[in-house]
Amino acid sequence: MTQLRSAGGELVTIPNSAITQVKNLTRSWSRANLSVNVAYDTDPVKAINVLRQVGEDLYNDPEWHDKMLAVPDVLGIDSLTHEGMTITIWIQTAPAQQWSVGRELRFRVRQP
């Protein structure tokens, strides 16, 4: 039997014979995948440039630099909805750092 703890705290018990696939989010490196929703009246070039600058600032911050393996990659606009557009960012991180790095980038994006 294998037991895993979910993000919500539940204990999940799985017979080993039922395990057919294993995914490891922390071996060698990890990646934070962020989606930032932007209103339609926002200039998309400006929004992408701001996100790139925030990512570079985070990468160059000595407190965060060792948790990141590269400057965040702002991929661009991935979807359009009636409310706005979604810009996707990928951040390659040290193992198991994707969650804290993602939270910090989101926090910094919201700063004036």
PDB file of N, CA and C in Angstrom:
ATOM      1  N   MET A   1       0.829  -1.182   0.000  1.00  0.00           N
ATOM      2  CA  MET A   1       0.000   0.000   0.000  1.00  0.00           C
ATOM      3  C   MET A   1       0.881   1.256   0.000  1.00  0.00           C
ATOM      4  N   THR A   2       0.420   2.245  -0.721  1.00  0.00           N
ATOM      5  CA  THR A   2       1.079   3.544  -0.749  1.00  0.00           C
ATOM      6  C   THR A   2       0.094   4.566  -0.223  1.00  0.00           C
ATOM      7  N   GLN A   3       0.580   5.448   0.648  1.00  0.00           N
ATOM      8  CA  GLN A   3      -0.275   6.497   1.189  1.00  0.00           C
ATOM      9  C   GLN A   3       0.292   7.854   0.794  1.00  0.00           C
ATOM     10  N   LEU A   4      -0.596   8.703   0.332  1.00  0.00           N
ATOM     11  CA  LEU A   4      -0.244  10.061  -0.081  1.00  0.00           C
ATOM     12  C   LEU A   4      -1.152  11.044   0.636  1.00  0.00           C
ATOM     13  N   ARG A   5      -0.644  12.228   0.889  1.00  0.00           N
ATOM     14  CA  ARG A   5      -1.448  13.274   1.511  1.00  0.00           C
ATOM     15  C   ARG A   5      -1.787  14.293   0.435  1.00  0.00           C
ATOM     16  N   SER A   6      -3.071  14.588   0.255  1.00  0.00           N
ATOM     17  CA  SER A   6      -3.496  15.565  -0.751  1.00  0.00           C
ATOM     18  C   SER A   6      -3.205  16.980  -0.261  1.00  0.00           C
ATOM     19  N   ALA A   7      -3.291  17.944  -1.165  1.00  0.00           N
ATOM     20  CA  ALA A   7      -3.079  19.344  -0.790  1.00  0.00           C
ATOM     21  C   ALA A   7      -4.099  19.796   0.240  1.00  0.00           C
ATOM     22  N   GLY A   8      -5.283  19.161   0.230  1.00  0.00           N
ATOM     23  CA  GLY A   8      -6.322  19.496   1.196  1.00  0.00           C
ATOM     24  C   GLY A   8      -6.173  18.782   2.525  1.00  0.00           C
ATOM     25  N   GLY A   9      -5.147  17.919   2.643  1.00  0.00           N
ATOM     26  CA  GLY A   9      -4.888  17.239   3.902  1.00  0.00           C
ATOM     27  C   GLY A   9      -5.457  15.831   3.997  1.00  0.00           C
ATOM     28  N   GLU A  10      -6.193  15.366   2.979  1.00  0.00           N
ATOM     29  CA  GLU A  10      -6.778  14.032   3.034  1.00  0.00           C
ATOM     30  C   GLU A  10      -5.691  12.984   2.828  1.00  0.00           C
ATOM     31  N   LEU A  11      -5.805  11.872   3.551  1.00  0.00           N
ATOM     32  CA  LEU A  11      -4.887  10.756   3.382  1.00  0.00           C
ATOM     33  C   LEU A  11      -5.483   9.809   2.354  1.00  0.00           C
ATOM     34  N   VAL A  12      -4.751   9.571   1.276  1.00  0.00           N
ATOM     35  CA  VAL A  12      -5.215   8.703   0.195  1.00  0.00           C
ATOM     36  C   VAL A  12      -4.382   7.426   0.239  1.00  0.00           C
ATOM     37  N   THR A  13      -5.059   6.280   0.314  1.00  0.00           N
ATOM     38  CA  THR A  13      -4.386   4.986   0.332  1.00  0.00           C
ATOM     39  C   THR A  13      -4.644   4.288  -0.993  1.00  0.00           C
ATOM     40  N   ILE A  14      -3.567   3.845  -1.641  1.00  0.00           N
ATOM     41  CA  ILE A  14      -3.666   3.230  -2.965  1.00  0.00           C
ATOM     42  C   ILE A  14      -2.921   1.894  -2.930  1.00  0.00           C
ATOM     43  N   PRO A  15      -3.551   0.825  -3.388  1.00  0.00           N
ATOM     44  CA  PRO A  15      -2.806  -0.433  -3.503  1.00  0.00           C
ATOM     45  C   PRO A  15      -1.690  -0.273  -4.541  1.00  0.00           C
ATOM     46  N   ASN A  16      -0.502  -0.765  -4.240  1.00  0.00           N
ATOM     47  CA  ASN A  16       0.623  -0.622  -5.175  1.00  0.00           C
ATOM     48  C   ASN A  16       0.303  -1.206  -6.544  1.00  0.00           C
ATOM     49  N   SER A  17      -0.513  -2.247  -6.590  1.00  0.00           N
ATOM     50  CA  SER A  17      -0.865  -2.864  -7.875  1.00  0.00           C
ATOM     51  C   SER A  17      -1.721  -1.944  -8.741  1.00  0.00           C
ATOM     52  N   ALA A  18      -2.325  -0.916  -8.136  1.00  0.00           N
ATOM     53  CA  ALA A  18      -3.175   0.012  -8.882  1.00  0.00           C
ATOM     54  C   ALA A  18      -2.388   1.203  -9.434  1.00  0.00           C
ATOM     55  N   ILE A  19      -1.137   1.344  -9.035  1.00  0.00           N
ATOM     56  CA  ILE A  19      -0.325   2.467  -9.496  1.00  0.00           C
ATOM     57  C   ILE A  19       0.232   2.133 -10.876  1.00  0.00           C
ATOM     58  N   THR A  20      -0.159   2.923 -11.868  1.00  0.00           N
ATOM     59  CA  THR A  20       0.311   2.693 -13.236  1.00  0.00           C
ATOM     60  C   THR A  20       1.162   3.844 -13.759  1.00  0.00           C
ATOM     61  N   GLN A  21       1.118   4.973 -13.076  1.00  0.00           N
ATOM     62  CA  GLN A  21       1.874   6.132 -13.532  1.00  0.00           C
ATOM     63  C   GLN A  21       2.288   6.950 -12.318  1.00  0.00           C
ATOM     64  N   VAL A  22       3.518   7.436 -12.331  1.00  0.00           N
ATOM     65  CA  VAL A  22       4.026   8.266 -11.248  1.00  0.00           C
ATOM     66  C   VAL A  22       4.550   9.558 -11.864  1.00  0.00           C
ATOM     67  N   LYS A  23       4.131  10.692 -11.302  1.00  0.00           N
ATOM     68  CA  LYS A  23       4.613  11.994 -11.765  1.00  0.00           C
ATOM     69  C   LYS A  23       5.393  12.636 -10.629  1.00  0.00           C
ATOM     70  N   ASN A  24       6.565  13.137 -10.944  1.00  0.00           N
ATOM     71  CA  ASN A  24       7.415  13.764  -9.952  1.00  0.00           C
ATOM     72  C   ASN A  24       7.569  15.236 -10.325  1.00  0.00           C
ATOM     73  N   LEU A  25       7.037  16.109  -9.474  1.00  0.00           N
ATOM     74  CA  LEU A  25       7.096  17.549  -9.750  1.00  0.00           C
ATOM     75  C   LEU A  25       8.336  18.215  -9.172  1.00  0.00           C
ATOM     76  N   THR A  26       9.217  17.431  -8.542  1.00  0.00           N
ATOM     77  CA  THR A  26      10.341  18.051  -7.852  1.00  0.00           C
ATOM     78  C   THR A  26      11.706  17.485  -8.224  1.00  0.00           C
ATOM     79  N   ARG A  27      11.800  16.552  -9.125  1.00  0.00           N
ATOM     80  CA  ARG A  27      13.100  15.972  -9.477  1.00  0.00           C
ATOM     81  C   ARG A  27      13.834  16.885 -10.473  1.00  0.00           C
ATOM     82  N   SER A  28      15.064  17.201 -10.190  1.00  0.00           N
ATOM     83  CA  SER A  28      15.954  18.030 -11.013  1.00  0.00           C
ATOM     84  C   SER A  28      15.526  19.495 -11.060  1.00  0.00           C
ATOM     85  N   TRP A  29      14.310  19.760 -11.492  1.00  0.00           N
ATOM     86  CA  TRP A  29      13.788  21.128 -11.535  1.00  0.00           C
ATOM     87  C   TRP A  29      12.264  21.071 -11.535  1.00  0.00           C
ATOM     88  N   SER A  30      11.658  22.192 -11.259  1.00  0.00           N
ATOM     89  CA  SER A  30      10.200  22.306 -11.259  1.00  0.00           C
ATOM     90  C   SER A  30       9.821  23.511 -12.101  1.00  0.00           C
ATOM     91  N   ARG A  31       8.525  23.669 -12.344  1.00  0.00           N
ATOM     92  CA  ARG A  31       8.082  24.841 -13.100  1.00  0.00           C
ATOM     93  C   ARG A  31       6.794  25.376 -12.507  1.00  0.00           C
ATOM     94  N   ALA A  32       6.779  26.679 -12.287  1.00  0.00           N
ATOM     95  CA  ALA A  32       5.554  27.374 -11.902  1.00  0.00           C
ATOM     96  C   ALA A  32       4.883  27.837 -13.187  1.00  0.00           C
ATOM     97  N   ASN A  33       3.622  27.502 -13.349  1.00  0.00           N
ATOM     98  CA  ASN A  33       2.834  27.923 -14.509  1.00  0.00           C
ATOM     99  C   ASN A  33       1.815  28.941 -14.022  1.00  0.00           C
ATOM    100  N   LEU A  34       1.932  30.163 -14.461  1.00  0.00           N
ATOM    101  CA  LEU A  34       1.034  31.214 -14.010  1.00  0.00           C
ATOM    102  C   LEU A  34       0.199  31.736 -15.160  1.00  0.00           C
ATOM    103  N   SER A  35      -1.049  32.046 -14.855  1.00  0.00           N
ATOM    104  CA  SER A  35      -1.958  32.691 -15.800  1.00  0.00           C
ATOM    105  C   SER A  35      -2.385  34.010 -15.185  1.00  0.00           C
ATOM    106  N   VAL A  36      -2.153  35.091 -15.908  1.00  0.00           N
ATOM    107  CA  VAL A  36      -2.514  36.424 -15.425  1.00  0.00           C
ATOM    108  C   VAL A  36      -3.617  36.959 -16.322  1.00  0.00           C
ATOM    109  N   ASN A  37      -4.765  37.244 -15.720  1.00  0.00           N
ATOM    110  CA  ASN A  37      -5.892  37.800 -16.470  1.00  0.00           C
ATOM    111  C   ASN A  37      -5.763  39.315 -16.530  1.00  0.00           C
ATOM    112  N   VAL A  38      -5.937  39.860 -17.723  1.00  0.00           N
ATOM    113  CA  VAL A  38      -5.773  41.291 -17.961  1.00  0.00           C
ATOM    114  C   VAL A  38      -7.021  41.808 -18.673  1.00  0.00           C
ATOM    115  N   ALA A  39      -7.516  42.967 -18.248  1.00  0.00           N
ATOM    116  CA  ALA A  39      -8.713  43.554 -18.858  1.00  0.00           C
ATOM    117  C   ALA A  39      -8.437  43.963 -20.306  1.00  0.00           C
ATOM    118  N   TYR A  40      -9.504  43.961 -21.122  1.00  0.00           N
ATOM    119  CA  TYR A  40      -9.360  44.308 -22.542  1.00  0.00           C
ATOM    120  C   TYR A  40      -8.827  45.713 -22.774  1.00  0.00           C
ATOM    121  N   ASP A  41      -9.127  46.637 -21.871  1.00  0.00           N
ATOM    122  CA  ASP A  41      -8.683  48.009 -22.105  1.00  0.00           C
ATOM    123  C   ASP A  41      -7.210  48.225 -21.746  1.00  0.00           C
ATOM    124  N   THR A  42      -6.518  47.155 -21.352  1.00  0.00           N
ATOM    125  CA  THR A  42      -5.089  47.229 -21.060  1.00  0.00           C
ATOM    126  C   THR A  42      -4.297  46.996 -22.347  1.00  0.00           C
ATOM    127  N   ASP A  43      -3.287  47.804 -22.563  1.00  0.00           N
ATOM    128  CA  ASP A  43      -2.405  47.626 -23.720  1.00  0.00           C
ATOM    129  C   ASP A  43      -1.640  46.311 -23.527  1.00  0.00           C
ATOM    130  N   PRO A  44      -1.825  45.321 -24.407  1.00  0.00           N
ATOM    131  CA  PRO A  44      -1.177  44.022 -24.205  1.00  0.00           C
ATOM    132  C   PRO A  44       0.352  44.091 -24.228  1.00  0.00           C
ATOM    133  N   VAL A  45       0.917  44.955 -25.039  1.00  0.00           N
ATOM    134  CA  VAL A  45       2.378  45.092 -25.088  1.00  0.00           C
ATOM    135  C   VAL A  45       2.890  45.611 -23.751  1.00  0.00           C
ATOM    136  N   LYS A  46       2.195  46.605 -23.200  1.00  0.00           N
ATOM    137  CA  LYS A  46       2.594  47.153 -21.905  1.00  0.00           C
ATOM    138  C   LYS A  46       2.460  46.093 -20.813  1.00  0.00           C
ATOM    139  N   ALA A  47       1.357  45.332 -20.827  1.00  0.00           N
ATOM    140  CA  ALA A  47       1.143  44.294 -19.818  1.00  0.00           C
ATOM    141  C   ALA A  47       2.258  43.251 -19.875  1.00  0.00           C
ATOM    142  N   ILE A  48       2.604  42.805 -21.069  1.00  0.00           N
ATOM    143  CA  ILE A  48       3.670  41.809 -21.226  1.00  0.00           C
ATOM    144  C   ILE A  48       5.003  42.378 -20.760  1.00  0.00           C
ATOM    145  N   ASN A  49       5.282  43.629 -21.095  1.00  0.00           N
ATOM    146  CA  ASN A  49       6.536  44.258 -20.665  1.00  0.00           C
ATOM    147  C   ASN A  49       6.605  44.399 -19.150  1.00  0.00           C
ATOM    148  N   VAL A  50       5.492  44.761 -18.523  1.00  0.00           N
ATOM    149  CA  VAL A  50       5.459  44.867 -17.059  1.00  0.00           C
ATOM    150  C   VAL A  50       5.719  43.502 -16.434  1.00  0.00           C
ATOM    151  N   LEU A  51       5.070  42.454 -16.949  1.00  0.00           N
ATOM    152  CA  LEU A  51       5.277  41.110 -16.408  1.00  0.00           C
ATOM    153  C   LEU A  51       6.725  40.662 -16.594  1.00  0.00           C
ATOM    154  N   ARG A  52       7.318  40.974 -17.723  1.00  0.00           N
ATOM    155  CA  ARG A  52       8.734  40.632 -17.939  1.00  0.00           C
ATOM    156  C   ARG A  52       9.630  41.347 -16.934  1.00  0.00           C
ATOM    157  N   GLN A  53       9.350  42.630 -16.694  1.00  0.00           N
ATOM    158  CA  GLN A  53      10.168  43.399 -15.755  1.00  0.00           C
ATOM    159  C   GLN A  53      10.025  42.863 -14.332  1.00  0.00           C
ATOM    160  N   VAL A  54       8.797  42.553 -13.931  1.00  0.00           N
ATOM    161  CA  VAL A  54       8.574  41.992 -12.593  1.00  0.00           C
ATOM    162  C   VAL A  54       9.318  40.661 -12.467  1.00  0.00           C
ATOM    163  N   GLY A  55       9.267  39.839 -13.511  1.00  0.00           N
ATOM    164  CA  GLY A  55       9.980  38.564 -13.495  1.00  0.00           C
ATOM    165  C   GLY A  55      11.487  38.738 -13.387  1.00  0.00           C
ATOM    166  N   GLU A  56      12.031  39.686 -14.136  1.00  0.00           N
ATOM    167  CA  GLU A  56      13.468  39.952 -14.074  1.00  0.00           C
ATOM    168  C   GLU A  56      13.866  40.473 -12.701  1.00  0.00           C
ATOM    169  N   ASP A  57      13.040  41.361 -12.133  1.00  0.00           N
ATOM    170  CA  ASP A  57      13.327  41.888 -10.798  1.00  0.00           C
ATOM    171  C   ASP A  57      13.338  40.761  -9.763  1.00  0.00           C
ATOM    172  N   LEU A  58      12.385  39.850  -9.866  1.00  0.00           N
ATOM    173  CA  LEU A  58      12.332  38.721  -8.936  1.00  0.00           C
ATOM    174  C   LEU A  58      13.575  37.846  -9.106  1.00  0.00           C
ATOM    175  N   TYR A  59      13.937  37.552 -10.337  1.00  0.00           N
ATOM    176  CA  TYR A  59      15.110  36.714 -10.606  1.00  0.00           C
ATOM    177  C   TYR A  59      16.392  37.360 -10.073  1.00  0.00           C
ATOM    178  N   ASN A  60      16.487  38.668 -10.160  1.00  0.00           N
ATOM    179  CA  ASN A  60      17.684  39.382  -9.712  1.00  0.00           C
ATOM    180  C   ASN A  60      17.694  39.682  -8.221  1.00  0.00           C
ATOM    181  N   ASP A  61      16.609  39.392  -7.526  1.00  0.00           N
ATOM    182  CA  ASP A  61      16.538  39.590  -6.080  1.00  0.00           C
ATOM    183  C   ASP A  61      17.350  38.478  -5.405  1.00  0.00           C
ATOM    184  N   PRO A  62      18.386  38.829  -4.624  1.00  0.00           N
ATOM    185  CA  PRO A  62      19.230  37.800  -4.003  1.00  0.00           C
ATOM    186  C   PRO A  62      18.448  36.794  -3.155  1.00  0.00           C
ATOM    187  N   GLU A  63      17.354  37.233  -2.572  1.00  0.00           N
ATOM    188  CA  GLU A  63      16.547  36.328  -1.740  1.00  0.00           C
ATOM    189  C   GLU A  63      15.866  35.240  -2.574  1.00  0.00           C
ATOM    190  N   TRP A  64      15.605  35.511  -3.843  1.00  0.00           N
ATOM    191  CA  TRP A  64      14.861  34.585  -4.705  1.00  0.00           C
ATOM    192  C   TRP A  64      15.701  33.958  -5.810  1.00  0.00           C
ATOM    193  N   HIS A  65      16.847  34.523  -6.110  1.00  0.00           N
ATOM    194  CA  HIS A  65      17.645  34.086  -7.265  1.00  0.00           C
ATOM    195  C   HIS A  65      17.972  32.585  -7.243  1.00  0.00           C
ATOM    196  N   ASP A  66      18.373  32.062  -6.100  1.00  0.00           N
ATOM    197  CA  ASP A  66      18.759  30.648  -6.023  1.00  0.00           C
ATOM    198  C   ASP A  66      17.571  29.698  -6.128  1.00  0.00           C
ATOM    199  N   LYS A  67      16.366  30.218  -6.000  1.00  0.00           N
ATOM    200  CA  LYS A  67      15.163  29.386  -6.124  1.00  0.00           C
ATOM    201  C   LYS A  67      14.690  29.292  -7.574  1.00  0.00           C
ATOM    202  N   MET A  68      15.287  30.103  -8.436  1.00  0.00           N
ATOM    203  CA  MET A  68      14.884  30.155  -9.844  1.00  0.00           C
ATOM    204  C   MET A  68      16.065  29.759 -10.722  1.00  0.00           C
ATOM    205  N   LEU A  69      15.811  28.973 -11.757  1.00  0.00           N
ATOM    206  CA  LEU A  69      16.884  28.525 -12.642  1.00  0.00           C
ATOM    207  C   LEU A  69      17.056  29.425 -13.857  1.00  0.00           C
ATOM    208  N   ALA A  70      16.079  30.278 -14.112  1.00  0.00           N
ATOM    209  CA  ALA A  70      16.143  31.188 -15.260  1.00  0.00           C
ATOM    210  C   ALA A  70      15.162  32.332 -15.039  1.00  0.00           C
ATOM    211  N   VAL A  71      15.340  33.382 -15.811  1.00  0.00           N
ATOM    212  CA  VAL A  71      14.383  34.491 -15.794  1.00  0.00           C
ATOM    213  C   VAL A  71      13.029  33.946 -16.247  1.00  0.00           C
ATOM    214  N   PRO A  72      11.935  34.346 -15.602  1.00  0.00           N
ATOM    215  CA  PRO A  72      10.613  33.873 -16.029  1.00  0.00           C
ATOM    216  C   PRO A  72      10.365  34.143 -17.511  1.00  0.00           C
ATOM    217  N   ASP A  73       9.703  33.193 -18.143  1.00  0.00           N
ATOM    218  CA  ASP A  73       9.398  33.272 -19.571  1.00  0.00           C
ATOM    219  C   ASP A  73       7.940  33.702 -19.741  1.00  0.00           C
ATOM    220  N   VAL A  74       7.736  34.943 -20.164  1.00  0.00           N
ATOM    221  CA  VAL A  74       6.385  35.436 -20.430  1.00  0.00           C
ATOM    222  C   VAL A  74       6.042  34.984 -21.844  1.00  0.00           C
ATOM    223  N   LEU A  75       5.167  33.986 -21.943  1.00  0.00           N
ATOM    224  CA  LEU A  75       4.881  33.368 -23.238  1.00  0.00           C
ATOM    225  C   LEU A  75       4.022  34.244 -24.133  1.00  0.00           C
ATOM    226  N   GLY A  76       3.143  35.041 -23.525  1.00  0.00           N
ATOM    227  CA  GLY A  76       2.256  35.896 -24.308  1.00  0.00           C
ATOM    228  C   GLY A  76       0.800  35.612 -24.011  1.00  0.00           C
ATOM    229  N   ILE A  77      -0.068  36.113 -24.872  1.00  0.00           N
ATOM    230  CA  ILE A  77      -1.517  35.966 -24.689  1.00  0.00           C
ATOM    231  C   ILE A  77      -1.923  34.566 -25.123  1.00  0.00           C
ATOM    232  N   ASP A  78      -2.486  33.813 -24.193  1.00  0.00           N
ATOM    233  CA  ASP A  78      -2.895  32.437 -24.485  1.00  0.00           C
ATOM    234  C   ASP A  78      -4.380  32.280 -24.719  1.00  0.00           C
ATOM    235  N   SER A  79      -5.169  33.220 -24.226  1.00  0.00           N
ATOM    236  CA  SER A  79      -6.607  33.102 -24.479  1.00  0.00           C
ATOM    237  C   SER A  79      -7.271  34.466 -24.381  1.00  0.00           C
ATOM    238  N   LEU A  80      -8.412  34.552 -25.032  1.00  0.00           N
ATOM    239  CA  LEU A  80      -9.248  35.752 -25.004  1.00  0.00           C
ATOM    240  C   LEU A  80     -10.636  35.339 -24.547  1.00  0.00           C
ATOM    241  N   THR A  81     -11.208  36.144 -23.668  1.00  0.00           N
ATOM    242  CA  THR A  81     -12.580  35.913 -23.225  1.00  0.00           C
ATOM    243  C   THR A  81     -13.339  37.221 -23.350  1.00  0.00           C
ATOM    244  N   HIS A  82     -14.616  37.196 -23.010  1.00  0.00           N
ATOM    245  CA  HIS A  82     -15.399  38.431 -23.067  1.00  0.00           C
ATOM    246  C   HIS A  82     -14.943  39.433 -22.007  1.00  0.00           C
ATOM    247  N   GLU A  83     -14.189  38.970 -20.991  1.00  0.00           N
ATOM    248  CA  GLU A  83     -13.722  39.856 -19.929  1.00  0.00           C
ATOM    249  C   GLU A  83     -12.319  40.400 -20.163  1.00  0.00           C
ATOM    250  N   GLY A  84     -11.522  39.719 -20.984  1.00  0.00           N
ATOM    251  CA  GLY A  84     -10.155  40.169 -21.192  1.00  0.00           C
ATOM    252  C   GLY A  84      -9.294  39.106 -21.825  1.00  0.00           C
ATOM    253  N   MET A  85      -8.021  39.141 -21.491  1.00  0.00           N
ATOM    254  CA  MET A  85      -7.062  38.201 -22.067  1.00  0.00           C
ATOM    255  C   MET A  85      -6.250  37.563 -20.946  1.00  0.00           C
ATOM    256  N   THR A  86      -5.708  36.393 -21.225  1.00  0.00           N
ATOM    257  CA  THR A  86      -4.885  35.680 -20.255  1.00  0.00           C
ATOM    258  C   THR A  86      -3.465  35.578 -20.793  1.00  0.00           C
ATOM    259  N   ILE A  87      -2.522  36.044 -19.987  1.00  0.00           N
ATOM    260  CA  ILE A  87      -1.105  35.973 -20.335  1.00  0.00           C
ATOM    261  C   ILE A  87      -0.484  34.864 -19.491  1.00  0.00           C
ATOM    262  N   THR A  88       0.276  33.989 -20.144  1.00  0.00           N
ATOM    263  CA  THR A  88       0.884  32.852 -19.459  1.00  0.00           C
ATOM    264  C   THR A  88       2.366  33.099 -19.211  1.00  0.00           C
ATOM    265  N   ILE A  89       2.802  32.703 -18.011  1.00  0.00           N
ATOM    266  CA  ILE A  89       4.201  32.835 -17.605  1.00  0.00           C
ATOM    267  C   ILE A  89       4.679  31.473 -17.106  1.00  0.00           C
ATOM    268  N   TRP A  90       5.845  31.061 -17.545  1.00  0.00           N
ATOM    269  CA  TRP A  90       6.493  29.858 -17.027  1.00  0.00           C
ATOM    270  C   TRP A  90       7.744  30.282 -16.280  1.00  0.00           C
ATOM    271  N   ILE A  91       7.939  29.679 -15.101  1.00  0.00           N
ATOM    272  CA  ILE A  91       9.141  29.958 -14.317  1.00  0.00           C
ATOM    273  C   ILE A  91       9.795  28.627 -13.962  1.00  0.00           C
ATOM    274  N   GLN A  92      10.982  28.387 -14.476  1.00  0.00           N
ATOM    275  CA  GLN A  92      11.712  27.171 -14.119  1.00  0.00           C
ATOM    276  C   GLN A  92      12.389  27.422 -12.773  1.00  0.00           C
ATOM    277  N   THR A  93      12.128  26.528 -11.818  1.00  0.00           N
ATOM    278  CA  THR A  93      12.604  26.731 -10.454  1.00  0.00           C
ATOM    279  C   THR A  93      13.441  25.550  -9.976  1.00  0.00           C
ATOM    280  N   ALA A  94      14.107  25.774  -8.857  1.00  0.00           N
ATOM    281  CA  ALA A  94      14.764  24.673  -8.160  1.00  0.00           C
ATOM    282  C   ALA A  94      13.670  23.705  -7.697  1.00  0.00           C
ATOM    283  N   PRO A  95      14.018  22.451  -7.439  1.00  0.00           N
ATOM    284  CA  PRO A  95      13.012  21.473  -7.028  1.00  0.00           C
ATOM    285  C   PRO A  95      12.172  21.954  -5.840  1.00  0.00           C
ATOM    286  N   ALA A  96      10.861  21.797  -5.974  1.00  0.00           N
ATOM    287  CA  ALA A  96       9.868  22.104  -4.934  1.00  0.00           C
ATOM    288  C   ALA A  96       9.733  23.597  -4.615  1.00  0.00           C
ATOM    289  N   GLN A  97      10.307  24.458  -5.425  1.00  0.00           N
ATOM    290  CA  GLN A  97      10.203  25.900  -5.180  1.00  0.00           C
ATOM    291  C   GLN A  97       9.141  26.569  -6.040  1.00  0.00           C
ATOM    292  N   GLN A  98       8.468  25.806  -6.907  1.00  0.00           N
ATOM    293  CA  GLN A  98       7.518  26.406  -7.839  1.00  0.00           C
ATOM    294  C   GLN A  98       6.372  27.123  -7.133  1.00  0.00           C
ATOM    295  N   TRP A  99       5.934  26.613  -6.002  1.00  0.00           N
ATOM    296  CA  TRP A  99       4.791  27.216  -5.325  1.00  0.00           C
ATOM    297  C   TRP A  99       5.168  28.545  -4.674  1.00  0.00           C
ATOM    298  N   SER A 100       6.295  28.584  -3.956  1.00  0.00           N
ATOM    299  CA  SER A 100       6.684  29.841  -3.306  1.00  0.00           C
ATOM    300  C   SER A 100       7.083  30.898  -4.334  1.00  0.00           C
ATOM    301  N   VAL A 101       7.784  30.502  -5.386  1.00  0.00           N
ATOM    302  CA  VAL A 101       8.172  31.463  -6.428  1.00  0.00           C
ATOM    303  C   VAL A 101       6.931  32.000  -7.138  1.00  0.00           C
ATOM    304  N   GLY A 102       5.986  31.129  -7.445  1.00  0.00           N
ATOM    305  CA  GLY A 102       4.744  31.564  -8.083  1.00  0.00           C
ATOM    306  C   GLY A 102       3.970  32.547  -7.224  1.00  0.00           C
ATOM    307  N   ARG A 103       3.879  32.247  -5.922  1.00  0.00           N
ATOM    308  CA  ARG A 103       3.177  33.167  -5.014  1.00  0.00           C
ATOM    309  C   ARG A 103       3.861  34.524  -4.966  1.00  0.00           C
ATOM    310  N   GLU A 104       5.197  34.520  -4.914  1.00  0.00           N
ATOM    311  CA  GLU A 104       5.927  35.788  -4.840  1.00  0.00           C
ATOM    312  C   GLU A 104       5.753  36.605  -6.116  1.00  0.00           C
ATOM    313  N   LEU A 105       5.788  35.958  -7.265  1.00  0.00           N
ATOM    314  CA  LEU A 105       5.586  36.704  -8.514  1.00  0.00           C
ATOM    315  C   LEU A 105       4.180  37.293  -8.561  1.00  0.00           C
ATOM    316  N   ARG A 106       3.172  36.512  -8.182  1.00  0.00           N
ATOM    317  CA  ARG A 106       1.794  37.041  -8.153  1.00  0.00           C
ATOM    318  C   ARG A 106       1.694  38.235  -7.207  1.00  0.00           C
ATOM    319  N   PHE A 107       2.343  38.133  -6.047  1.00  0.00           N
ATOM    320  CA  PHE A 107       2.331  39.233  -5.080  1.00  0.00           C
ATOM    321  C   PHE A 107       2.950  40.488  -5.692  1.00  0.00           C
ATOM    322  N   ARG A 108       4.083  40.325  -6.337  1.00  0.00           N
ATOM    323  CA  ARG A 108       4.776  41.479  -6.919  1.00  0.00           C
ATOM    324  C   ARG A 108       4.006  42.090  -8.087  1.00  0.00           C
ATOM    325  N   VAL A 109       3.304  41.279  -8.840  1.00  0.00           N
ATOM    326  CA  VAL A 109       2.494  41.806  -9.946  1.00  0.00           C
ATOM    327  C   VAL A 109       1.423  42.742  -9.403  1.00  0.00           C
ATOM    328  N   ARG A 110       0.908  42.460  -8.221  1.00  0.00           N
ATOM    329  CA  ARG A 110      -0.165  43.272  -7.637  1.00  0.00           C
ATOM    330  C   ARG A 110       0.340  44.531  -6.941  1.00  0.00           C
ATOM    331  N   GLN A 111       1.649  44.682  -6.793  1.00  0.00           N
ATOM    332  CA  GLN A 111       2.198  45.870  -6.137  1.00  0.00           C
ATOM    333  C   GLN A 111       2.115  47.069  -7.076  1.00  0.00           C
ATOM    334  N   PRO A 112       1.823  48.251  -6.507  1.00  0.00           N
ATOM    335  CA  PRO A 112       1.735  49.459  -7.351  1.00  0.00           C
ATOM    336  C   PRO A 112       3.076  49.869  -7.929  1.00  0.00           C
TER     337      PRO A 112
END
